[in-house]
Amino acid sequence: MSSWARYEPYDLALQGRIFHVSFNTTISAGATAWAQVKTNNKKVTVVHYELVSLTENMRFSVYEAPTITDGTTAMTSRNVNRNYVETATTQLFSNPTGVSGGTLLLVHGMPSGANKVGGTSGHADTWTLKPSTSYGLKMENLGNSTNEFVFNMSFYEV
């Protein structure tokens, strides 16, 4: 038997330990928007995230430990087991400023079709984030018109 614990998302959801956050924003043509994930003293494991672009080509990037001025508009995460009242200690903001530097962790491109249909990209990638660290989420509209972008993330804390 292994000496390490394996956390299964299904079991964690039943235990009231999985949280979900959704964020949507409108981004002008050629513009960039930022969001922020700010961990506290716990390790945060992202078990699923989804990116949705309604009409335009988009690029989504995640930076670890950038220089960042914390956002002031909090995004509310919800416990996915509605029978539990526990809340996440991880903070999420939709409007950080002064973001620069950091370690680039991932980049996702989201092409739109010739008919400007948009696209969805769901990922079951598992990322364990460092405690007491900020992460910058960069959303770039690469198209020629205003676009709505949606970000969904499910995570747990240990």
N, C-alpha and C. Protein backbone atom coordinates (compact mmCIF):
# COMPACT_ATOMS: atom_id res chain seq x y z
N MET A 1 0.83 -1.18 0.00
CA MET A 1 0.00 0.00 0.00
C MET A 1 0.88 1.24 0.00
N SER A 2 0.50 2.20 -0.76
CA SER A 2 1.28 3.43 -0.89
C SER A 2 1.15 4.29 0.37
N SER A 3 2.20 5.05 0.67
CA SER A 3 2.17 5.91 1.85
C SER A 3 1.63 7.30 1.53
N TRP A 4 1.32 7.58 0.28
CA TRP A 4 0.79 8.89 -0.09
C TRP A 4 -0.70 8.79 -0.34
N ALA A 5 -1.37 9.89 -0.06
CA ALA A 5 -2.83 9.92 -0.26
C ALA A 5 -3.14 10.37 -1.68
N ARG A 6 -4.10 9.72 -2.28
CA ARG A 6 -4.56 10.13 -3.60
C ARG A 6 -5.97 10.69 -3.43
N TYR A 7 -6.16 11.89 -3.88
CA TYR A 7 -7.46 12.54 -3.75
C TYR A 7 -8.22 12.39 -5.05
N GLU A 8 -9.32 11.68 -5.03
CA GLU A 8 -10.16 11.51 -6.20
C GLU A 8 -11.21 12.62 -6.20
N PRO A 9 -11.35 13.35 -7.30
CA PRO A 9 -12.31 14.45 -7.33
C PRO A 9 -13.72 14.06 -6.93
N TYR A 10 -14.18 12.88 -7.34
CA TYR A 10 -15.53 12.45 -6.97
C TYR A 10 -15.67 12.35 -5.45
N ASP A 11 -14.68 11.72 -4.80
CA ASP A 11 -14.73 11.58 -3.35
C ASP A 11 -14.64 12.94 -2.66
N LEU A 12 -13.77 13.79 -3.17
CA LEU A 12 -13.64 15.12 -2.59
C LEU A 12 -14.92 15.93 -2.73
N ALA A 13 -15.60 15.78 -3.85
CA ALA A 13 -16.88 16.48 -4.04
C ALA A 13 -17.90 16.00 -3.02
N LEU A 14 -17.95 14.69 -2.78
CA LEU A 14 -18.88 14.15 -1.79
C LEU A 14 -18.55 14.66 -0.39
N GLN A 15 -17.26 14.91 -0.13
CA GLN A 15 -16.82 15.40 1.18
C GLN A 15 -16.93 16.92 1.30
N GLY A 16 -17.42 17.59 0.26
CA GLY A 16 -17.58 19.04 0.31
C GLY A 16 -16.26 19.79 0.20
N ARG A 17 -15.30 19.22 -0.54
CA ARG A 17 -13.98 19.84 -0.62
C ARG A 17 -13.61 20.32 -2.02
N ILE A 18 -14.53 20.24 -2.99
CA ILE A 18 -14.28 20.76 -4.34
C ILE A 18 -15.03 22.07 -4.49
N PHE A 19 -14.35 23.05 -5.05
CA PHE A 19 -14.93 24.37 -5.26
C PHE A 19 -14.91 24.69 -6.75
N HIS A 20 -15.84 25.54 -7.17
CA HIS A 20 -15.94 25.93 -8.57
C HIS A 20 -16.08 27.44 -8.66
N VAL A 21 -15.42 28.02 -9.66
CA VAL A 21 -15.54 29.45 -9.90
C VAL A 21 -15.74 29.67 -11.39
N SER A 22 -16.57 30.64 -11.72
CA SER A 22 -16.80 31.04 -13.11
C SER A 22 -16.53 32.52 -13.24
N PHE A 23 -15.97 32.88 -14.38
CA PHE A 23 -15.64 34.28 -14.64
C PHE A 23 -15.91 34.56 -16.10
N ASN A 24 -16.60 35.63 -16.39
CA ASN A 24 -16.75 36.02 -17.79
C ASN A 24 -16.45 37.50 -17.93
N THR A 25 -15.92 37.84 -19.10
CA THR A 25 -15.55 39.22 -19.36
C THR A 25 -15.69 39.50 -20.85
N THR A 26 -15.92 40.75 -21.16
CA THR A 26 -15.95 41.20 -22.54
C THR A 26 -14.63 41.89 -22.83
N ILE A 27 -13.98 41.48 -23.93
CA ILE A 27 -12.65 41.99 -24.26
C ILE A 27 -12.71 42.61 -25.65
N SER A 28 -12.30 43.86 -25.75
CA SER A 28 -12.29 44.56 -27.05
C SER A 28 -11.30 43.91 -28.00
N ALA A 29 -11.50 44.16 -29.29
CA ALA A 29 -10.59 43.63 -30.32
C ALA A 29 -9.16 44.04 -30.01
N GLY A 30 -8.25 43.08 -30.03
CA GLY A 30 -6.84 43.34 -29.80
C GLY A 30 -6.46 43.64 -28.37
N ALA A 31 -7.40 43.57 -27.45
CA ALA A 31 -7.14 43.94 -26.05
C ALA A 31 -6.85 42.71 -25.20
N THR A 32 -6.40 42.97 -23.98
CA THR A 32 -6.06 41.93 -23.02
C THR A 32 -6.79 42.18 -21.71
N ALA A 33 -7.24 41.12 -21.07
CA ALA A 33 -7.83 41.20 -19.73
C ALA A 33 -7.07 40.23 -18.83
N TRP A 34 -7.04 40.55 -17.55
CA TRP A 34 -6.35 39.71 -16.58
C TRP A 34 -7.29 39.30 -15.47
N ALA A 35 -7.04 38.12 -14.91
CA ALA A 35 -7.67 37.66 -13.68
C ALA A 35 -6.54 37.14 -12.79
N GLN A 36 -6.85 36.88 -11.54
CA GLN A 36 -5.82 36.48 -10.58
C GLN A 36 -6.33 35.36 -9.69
N VAL A 37 -5.49 34.35 -9.48
CA VAL A 37 -5.72 33.32 -8.48
C VAL A 37 -4.65 33.54 -7.42
N LYS A 38 -5.07 33.70 -6.17
CA LYS A 38 -4.14 33.98 -5.08
C LYS A 38 -4.32 32.91 -4.00
N THR A 39 -3.33 32.01 -3.91
CA THR A 39 -3.41 30.94 -2.92
C THR A 39 -2.98 31.47 -1.55
N ASN A 40 -3.47 30.83 -0.51
CA ASN A 40 -3.06 31.17 0.85
C ASN A 40 -2.06 30.13 1.31
N ASN A 41 -2.17 29.65 2.53
CA ASN A 41 -1.17 28.72 3.05
C ASN A 41 -1.44 27.27 2.68
N LYS A 42 -2.40 27.02 1.80
CA LYS A 42 -2.72 25.65 1.39
C LYS A 42 -2.28 25.41 -0.04
N LYS A 43 -2.02 24.15 -0.35
CA LYS A 43 -1.78 23.77 -1.74
C LYS A 43 -3.15 23.71 -2.43
N VAL A 44 -3.22 24.26 -3.60
CA VAL A 44 -4.46 24.27 -4.37
C VAL A 44 -4.23 23.40 -5.60
N THR A 45 -5.11 22.44 -5.81
CA THR A 45 -5.03 21.58 -6.98
C THR A 45 -6.20 21.87 -7.89
N VAL A 46 -5.89 22.28 -9.11
CA VAL A 46 -6.91 22.52 -10.13
C VAL A 46 -7.19 21.18 -10.79
N VAL A 47 -8.45 20.75 -10.77
CA VAL A 47 -8.79 19.45 -11.34
C VAL A 47 -9.45 19.58 -12.72
N HIS A 48 -9.95 20.76 -13.03
CA HIS A 48 -10.58 20.96 -14.34
C HIS A 48 -10.68 22.45 -14.59
N TYR A 49 -10.45 22.84 -15.83
CA TYR A 49 -10.76 24.21 -16.23
C TYR A 49 -11.30 24.20 -17.63
N GLU A 50 -12.11 25.20 -17.93
CA GLU A 50 -12.75 25.30 -19.23
C GLU A 50 -12.63 26.73 -19.72
N LEU A 51 -12.33 26.88 -21.00
CA LEU A 51 -12.22 28.18 -21.64
C LEU A 51 -13.27 28.26 -22.73
N VAL A 52 -14.00 29.36 -22.80
CA VAL A 52 -15.02 29.53 -23.83
C VAL A 52 -14.84 30.89 -24.47
N SER A 53 -14.69 30.89 -25.78
CA SER A 53 -14.62 32.12 -26.57
C SER A 53 -15.85 32.14 -27.46
N LEU A 54 -16.63 33.21 -27.40
CA LEU A 54 -17.89 33.22 -28.13
C LEU A 54 -17.74 33.50 -29.62
N THR A 55 -16.80 34.38 -30.01
CA THR A 55 -16.72 34.68 -31.44
C THR A 55 -15.32 34.82 -32.01
N GLU A 56 -14.33 35.12 -31.23
CA GLU A 56 -13.02 35.49 -31.77
C GLU A 56 -11.90 34.54 -31.36
N ASN A 57 -10.80 34.59 -32.11
CA ASN A 57 -9.57 33.89 -31.73
C ASN A 57 -9.08 34.46 -30.40
N MET A 58 -8.73 33.58 -29.50
CA MET A 58 -8.26 34.00 -28.18
C MET A 58 -6.99 33.25 -27.81
N ARG A 59 -6.22 33.85 -26.91
CA ARG A 59 -5.07 33.16 -26.32
C ARG A 59 -5.21 33.31 -24.81
N PHE A 60 -5.02 32.19 -24.09
CA PHE A 60 -5.12 32.16 -22.64
C PHE A 60 -3.78 31.70 -22.10
N SER A 61 -3.20 32.47 -21.17
CA SER A 61 -1.89 32.14 -20.59
C SER A 61 -1.96 32.22 -19.08
N VAL A 62 -1.16 31.40 -18.40
CA VAL A 62 -1.09 31.41 -16.94
C VAL A 62 0.36 31.69 -16.55
N TYR A 63 0.54 32.68 -15.67
CA TYR A 63 1.87 33.05 -15.16
C TYR A 63 1.91 32.83 -13.66
N GLU A 64 2.98 32.17 -13.20
CA GLU A 64 3.17 31.94 -11.77
C GLU A 64 4.05 33.03 -11.18
N ALA A 65 3.62 33.58 -10.06
CA ALA A 65 4.37 34.56 -9.28
C ALA A 65 4.79 35.79 -10.09
N PRO A 66 3.87 36.39 -10.86
CA PRO A 66 4.24 37.63 -11.54
C PRO A 66 4.25 38.78 -10.53
N THR A 67 4.84 39.89 -10.92
CA THR A 67 4.65 41.12 -10.18
C THR A 67 3.21 41.52 -10.47
N ILE A 68 2.42 41.75 -9.42
CA ILE A 68 0.98 41.98 -9.62
C ILE A 68 0.42 42.82 -8.49
N THR A 69 -0.44 43.74 -8.82
CA THR A 69 -1.21 44.47 -7.81
C THR A 69 -2.54 43.75 -7.71
N ASP A 70 -2.84 43.26 -6.49
CA ASP A 70 -4.05 42.47 -6.30
C ASP A 70 -5.28 43.17 -6.83
N GLY A 71 -6.16 42.36 -7.39
CA GLY A 71 -7.44 42.88 -7.84
C GLY A 71 -8.31 43.25 -6.65
N THR A 72 -9.36 43.99 -6.91
CA THR A 72 -10.29 44.41 -5.85
C THR A 72 -11.68 43.82 -6.05
N THR A 73 -11.95 43.26 -7.22
CA THR A 73 -13.24 42.66 -7.48
C THR A 73 -13.10 41.15 -7.35
N ALA A 74 -13.63 40.62 -6.24
CA ALA A 74 -13.51 39.19 -5.97
C ALA A 74 -14.49 38.39 -6.80
N MET A 75 -14.03 37.21 -7.23
CA MET A 75 -14.91 36.24 -7.87
C MET A 75 -15.29 35.24 -6.78
N THR A 76 -16.53 34.85 -6.72
CA THR A 76 -17.01 33.94 -5.68
C THR A 76 -16.88 32.50 -6.14
N SER A 77 -16.17 31.71 -5.33
CA SER A 77 -16.13 30.27 -5.59
C SER A 77 -17.22 29.61 -4.75
N ARG A 78 -17.76 28.54 -5.26
CA ARG A 78 -18.85 27.83 -4.60
C ARG A 78 -18.45 26.39 -4.33
N ASN A 79 -18.87 25.87 -3.19
CA ASN A 79 -18.68 24.47 -2.88
C ASN A 79 -19.60 23.68 -3.79
N VAL A 80 -19.08 22.69 -4.53
CA VAL A 80 -19.92 21.95 -5.48
C VAL A 80 -20.89 21.01 -4.77
N ASN A 81 -20.61 20.66 -3.52
CA ASN A 81 -21.57 19.89 -2.73
C ASN A 81 -22.37 20.90 -1.92
N ARG A 82 -23.57 21.17 -2.36
CA ARG A 82 -24.38 22.23 -1.77
C ARG A 82 -24.87 21.89 -0.37
N ASN A 83 -24.55 20.69 0.14
CA ASN A 83 -24.88 20.31 1.52
C ASN A 83 -23.81 20.75 2.51
N TYR A 84 -22.72 21.31 2.00
CA TYR A 84 -21.62 21.76 2.86
C TYR A 84 -21.50 23.27 2.80
N VAL A 85 -21.12 23.87 3.91
CA VAL A 85 -20.98 25.33 3.97
C VAL A 85 -19.52 25.77 3.89
N GLU A 86 -18.57 24.83 3.84
CA GLU A 86 -17.16 25.18 3.78
C GLU A 86 -16.89 26.05 2.56
N THR A 87 -16.01 27.02 2.74
CA THR A 87 -15.63 27.91 1.65
C THR A 87 -14.14 27.80 1.39
N ALA A 88 -13.75 28.14 0.20
CA ALA A 88 -12.33 28.10 -0.17
C ALA A 88 -11.58 29.27 0.44
N THR A 89 -10.31 29.04 0.75
CA THR A 89 -9.47 30.14 1.23
C THR A 89 -8.74 30.81 0.07
N THR A 90 -8.71 30.14 -1.08
CA THR A 90 -8.09 30.70 -2.27
C THR A 90 -8.90 31.91 -2.72
N GLN A 91 -8.21 33.00 -3.04
CA GLN A 91 -8.88 34.21 -3.50
C GLN A 91 -8.75 34.33 -5.01
N LEU A 92 -9.81 34.78 -5.64
CA LEU A 92 -9.83 34.97 -7.09
C LEU A 92 -10.34 36.37 -7.38
N PHE A 93 -9.63 37.08 -8.23
CA PHE A 93 -9.98 38.46 -8.56
C PHE A 93 -10.08 38.63 -10.08
N SER A 94 -10.98 39.49 -10.50
CA SER A 94 -11.18 39.70 -11.93
C SER A 94 -10.46 40.92 -12.47
N ASN A 95 -9.81 41.70 -11.62
CA ASN A 95 -9.24 42.95 -12.12
C ASN A 95 -7.87 43.31 -11.54
N PRO A 96 -6.90 42.40 -11.53
CA PRO A 96 -5.58 42.79 -11.06
C PRO A 96 -4.95 43.78 -12.04
N THR A 97 -3.99 44.54 -11.56
CA THR A 97 -3.31 45.51 -12.42
C THR A 97 -1.80 45.36 -12.28
N GLY A 98 -1.07 46.04 -13.16
CA GLY A 98 0.39 46.07 -13.08
C GLY A 98 1.03 44.70 -13.19
N VAL A 99 0.46 43.82 -13.99
CA VAL A 99 0.97 42.45 -14.08
C VAL A 99 2.17 42.42 -15.03
N SER A 100 3.27 41.85 -14.55
CA SER A 100 4.45 41.70 -15.40
C SER A 100 5.30 40.55 -14.87
N GLY A 101 6.09 39.97 -15.76
CA GLY A 101 7.01 38.91 -15.38
C GLY A 101 6.30 37.64 -14.95
N GLY A 102 6.97 36.87 -14.13
CA GLY A 102 6.45 35.58 -13.69
C GLY A 102 6.91 34.47 -14.61
N THR A 103 6.63 33.25 -14.20
CA THR A 103 6.98 32.07 -14.98
C THR A 103 5.77 31.65 -15.79
N LEU A 104 5.93 31.60 -17.10
CA LEU A 104 4.85 31.17 -17.97
C LEU A 104 4.66 29.67 -17.80
N LEU A 105 3.46 29.25 -17.35
CA LEU A 105 3.17 27.84 -17.13
C LEU A 105 2.47 27.18 -18.30
N LEU A 106 1.54 27.88 -18.92
CA LEU A 106 0.83 27.29 -20.04
C LEU A 106 0.21 28.36 -20.92
N VAL A 107 0.01 27.98 -22.18
CA VAL A 107 -0.64 28.84 -23.16
C VAL A 107 -1.62 27.98 -23.95
N HIS A 108 -2.85 28.46 -24.07
CA HIS A 108 -3.85 27.78 -24.90
C HIS A 108 -4.33 28.76 -25.96
N GLY A 109 -4.33 28.32 -27.20
CA GLY A 109 -4.93 29.10 -28.28
C GLY A 109 -6.32 28.58 -28.56
N MET A 110 -7.22 29.48 -28.84
CA MET A 110 -8.60 29.11 -29.15
C MET A 110 -9.00 29.75 -30.45
N PRO A 111 -8.89 29.02 -31.56
CA PRO A 111 -9.27 29.60 -32.85
C PRO A 111 -10.79 29.64 -33.00
N SER A 112 -11.25 30.66 -33.71
CA SER A 112 -12.66 30.67 -34.08
C SER A 112 -12.73 30.24 -35.53
N GLY A 113 -13.89 29.80 -35.95
CA GLY A 113 -14.05 29.38 -37.33
C GLY A 113 -14.23 30.58 -38.26
N ALA A 114 -14.26 30.31 -39.55
CA ALA A 114 -14.47 31.37 -40.54
C ALA A 114 -15.82 32.05 -40.33
N ASN A 115 -16.75 31.35 -39.70
CA ASN A 115 -18.08 31.90 -39.46
C ASN A 115 -18.19 32.57 -38.10
N LYS A 116 -17.06 32.78 -37.44
CA LYS A 116 -17.03 33.43 -36.13
C LYS A 116 -17.93 32.71 -35.12
N VAL A 117 -17.75 31.40 -35.05
CA VAL A 117 -18.59 30.59 -34.18
C VAL A 117 -18.04 30.53 -32.76
N GLY A 118 -16.78 30.82 -32.56
CA GLY A 118 -16.18 30.72 -31.24
C GLY A 118 -15.76 29.30 -30.95
N GLY A 119 -15.40 29.02 -29.71
CA GLY A 119 -14.96 27.68 -29.37
C GLY A 119 -14.91 27.45 -27.89
N THR A 120 -14.86 26.18 -27.52
CA THR A 120 -14.75 25.77 -26.13
C THR A 120 -13.57 24.85 -26.01
N SER A 121 -12.84 24.99 -24.92
CA SER A 121 -11.70 24.13 -24.67
C SER A 121 -11.76 23.72 -23.21
N GLY A 122 -12.08 22.45 -22.93
CA GLY A 122 -12.14 21.95 -21.57
C GLY A 122 -10.91 21.10 -21.29
N HIS A 123 -10.37 21.21 -20.10
CA HIS A 123 -9.14 20.50 -19.77
C HIS A 123 -9.25 19.85 -18.40
N ALA A 124 -8.89 18.59 -18.33
CA ALA A 124 -8.84 17.88 -17.06
C ALA A 124 -7.40 17.82 -16.56
N ASP A 125 -6.57 18.74 -17.04
CA ASP A 125 -5.19 18.82 -16.56
C ASP A 125 -5.21 19.05 -15.06
N THR A 126 -4.33 18.40 -14.34
CA THR A 126 -4.23 18.60 -12.90
C THR A 126 -2.99 19.42 -12.61
N TRP A 127 -3.19 20.57 -12.02
CA TRP A 127 -2.08 21.45 -11.63
C TRP A 127 -2.18 21.67 -10.13
N THR A 128 -1.08 21.46 -9.40
CA THR A 128 -1.04 21.81 -7.98
C THR A 128 -0.26 23.10 -7.85
N LEU A 129 -0.95 24.11 -7.35
CA LEU A 129 -0.36 25.45 -7.25
C LEU A 129 0.37 25.60 -5.92
N LYS A 130 1.38 26.46 -5.92
CA LYS A 130 2.17 26.70 -4.72
C LYS A 130 1.35 27.48 -3.69
N PRO A 131 1.58 27.20 -2.40
CA PRO A 131 0.93 28.01 -1.37
C PRO A 131 1.45 29.45 -1.40
N SER A 132 0.63 30.37 -0.94
CA SER A 132 1.00 31.79 -0.79
C SER A 132 1.61 32.37 -2.06
N THR A 133 0.98 32.09 -3.19
CA THR A 133 1.48 32.53 -4.49
C THR A 133 0.34 33.10 -5.32
N SER A 134 0.64 34.13 -6.11
CA SER A 134 -0.34 34.66 -7.05
C SER A 134 -0.08 34.11 -8.44
N TYR A 135 -1.15 33.92 -9.18
CA TYR A 135 -1.10 33.45 -10.56
C TYR A 135 -1.88 34.43 -11.41
N GLY A 136 -1.26 34.90 -12.48
CA GLY A 136 -1.93 35.80 -13.41
C GLY A 136 -2.53 35.01 -14.56
N LEU A 137 -3.81 35.24 -14.83
CA LEU A 137 -4.50 34.58 -15.94
C LEU A 137 -4.72 35.64 -17.02
N LYS A 138 -4.02 35.48 -18.13
CA LYS A 138 -4.04 36.47 -19.20
C LYS A 138 -4.95 36.00 -20.32
N MET A 139 -5.90 36.84 -20.70
CA MET A 139 -6.84 36.53 -21.77
C MET A 139 -6.68 37.57 -22.87
N GLU A 140 -6.25 37.14 -24.05
CA GLU A 140 -5.99 38.07 -25.15
C GLU A 140 -6.97 37.82 -26.29
N ASN A 141 -7.63 38.89 -26.71
CA ASN A 141 -8.52 38.81 -27.87
C ASN A 141 -7.68 39.07 -29.10
N LEU A 142 -7.49 38.05 -29.92
CA LEU A 142 -6.66 38.16 -31.11
C LEU A 142 -7.48 38.51 -32.35
N GLY A 143 -8.77 38.71 -32.17
CA GLY A 143 -9.67 38.96 -33.29
C GLY A 143 -9.87 40.44 -33.59
N ASN A 144 -10.81 40.69 -34.50
CA ASN A 144 -11.08 42.05 -34.97
C ASN A 144 -12.36 42.64 -34.41
N SER A 145 -13.01 41.94 -33.48
CA SER A 145 -14.22 42.49 -32.89
C SER A 145 -14.27 42.13 -31.41
N THR A 146 -15.13 42.80 -30.68
CA THR A 146 -15.30 42.54 -29.26
C THR A 146 -15.74 41.10 -29.05
N ASN A 147 -15.23 40.48 -28.00
CA ASN A 147 -15.50 39.07 -27.75
C ASN A 147 -15.83 38.85 -26.29
N GLU A 148 -16.72 37.92 -26.02
CA GLU A 148 -17.00 37.49 -24.66
C GLU A 148 -16.18 36.24 -24.38
N PHE A 149 -15.54 36.21 -23.22
CA PHE A 149 -14.69 35.09 -22.83
C PHE A 149 -15.15 34.58 -21.48
N VAL A 150 -15.23 33.26 -21.32
CA VAL A 150 -15.66 32.63 -20.08
C VAL A 150 -14.57 31.68 -19.60
N PHE A 151 -14.30 31.73 -18.30
CA PHE A 151 -13.32 30.85 -17.66
C PHE A 151 -14.01 30.14 -16.50
N ASN A 152 -13.97 28.82 -16.49
CA ASN A 152 -14.50 28.01 -15.38
C ASN A 152 -13.37 27.17 -14.82
N MET A 153 -13.32 27.05 -13.48
CA MET A 153 -12.27 26.27 -12.85
C MET A 153 -12.82 25.54 -11.63
N SER A 154 -12.47 24.27 -11.50
CA SER A 154 -12.79 23.48 -10.30
C SER A 154 -11.49 23.13 -9.60
N PHE A 155 -11.47 23.23 -8.27
CA PHE A 155 -10.23 23.02 -7.53
C PHE A 155 -10.53 22.54 -6.11
N TYR A 156 -9.49 22.01 -5.46
CA TYR A 156 -9.59 21.69 -4.04
C TYR A 156 -8.32 22.18 -3.35
N GLU A 157 -8.42 22.27 -2.01
CA GLU A 157 -7.30 22.76 -1.20
C GLU A 157 -6.91 21.68 -0.19
N VAL A 158 -5.59 21.56 0.03
CA VAL A 158 -5.07 20.60 1.01
C VAL A 158 -4.15 21.34 1.96
